[in-house]
């Protein structure tokens, strides 16, 4: 599960960088 968490954070960081608002960010 830890590995999934890292990927999750990576996606959240990459999403805002592109100017997108992922729903995952809200979940976190």
C-alpha atoms as a PDB file:
ATOM      1  CA  UNK A   1       0.000   0.000   0.000  1.00  0.00           C
ATOM      2  CA  UNK A   2       2.936   2.313   0.634  1.00  0.00           C
ATOM      3  CA  UNK A   3       3.970   2.178  -3.017  1.00  0.00           C
ATOM      4  CA  UNK A   4       0.452   3.162  -4.027  1.00  0.00           C
ATOM      5  CA  UNK A   5       0.627   6.143  -1.669  1.00  0.00           C
ATOM      6  CA  UNK A   6       3.817   7.400  -3.309  1.00  0.00           C
ATOM      7  CA  UNK A   7       2.264   7.134  -6.771  1.00  0.00           C
ATOM      8  CA  UNK A   8      -0.806   8.908  -5.443  1.00  0.00           C
ATOM      9  CA  UNK A   9       1.224  11.862  -4.165  1.00  0.00           C
ATOM     10  CA  UNK A  10       3.179  11.967  -7.409  1.00  0.00           C
ATOM     11  CA  UNK A  11      -0.016  12.219  -9.429  1.00  0.00           C
ATOM     12  CA  UNK A  12      -1.388  14.947  -7.188  1.00  0.00           C
ATOM     13  CA  UNK A  13       1.803  16.965  -7.564  1.00  0.00           C
ATOM     14  CA  UNK A  14       1.846  16.472 -11.337  1.00  0.00           C
ATOM     15  CA  UNK A  15      -1.824  17.359 -11.778  1.00  0.00           C
ATOM     16  CA  UNK A  16      -1.744  20.853 -10.230  1.00  0.00           C
ATOM     17  CA  UNK A  17       1.506  21.535 -12.051  1.00  0.00           C
ATOM     18  CA  UNK A  18      -0.361  21.107 -15.336  1.00  0.00           C
ATOM     19  CA  UNK A  19      -3.148  23.367 -14.126  1.00  0.00           C
ATOM     20  CA  UNK A  20      -5.627  20.533 -13.598  1.00  0.00           C
ATOM     21  CA  UNK A  21      -7.781  20.022 -10.495  1.00  0.00           C
ATOM     22  CA  UNK A  22      -7.966  16.245  -9.847  1.00  0.00           C
ATOM     23  CA  UNK A  23     -10.688  14.961  -7.541  1.00  0.00           C
ATOM     24  CA  UNK A  24      -8.031  12.796  -5.913  1.00  0.00           C
ATOM     25  CA  UNK A  25      -6.506  15.926  -4.424  1.00  0.00           C
ATOM     26  CA  UNK A  26      -9.768  16.578  -2.574  1.00  0.00           C
ATOM     27  CA  UNK A  27      -9.833  12.995  -1.325  1.00  0.00           C
ATOM     28  CA  UNK A  28      -6.339  13.311   0.112  1.00  0.00           C
END
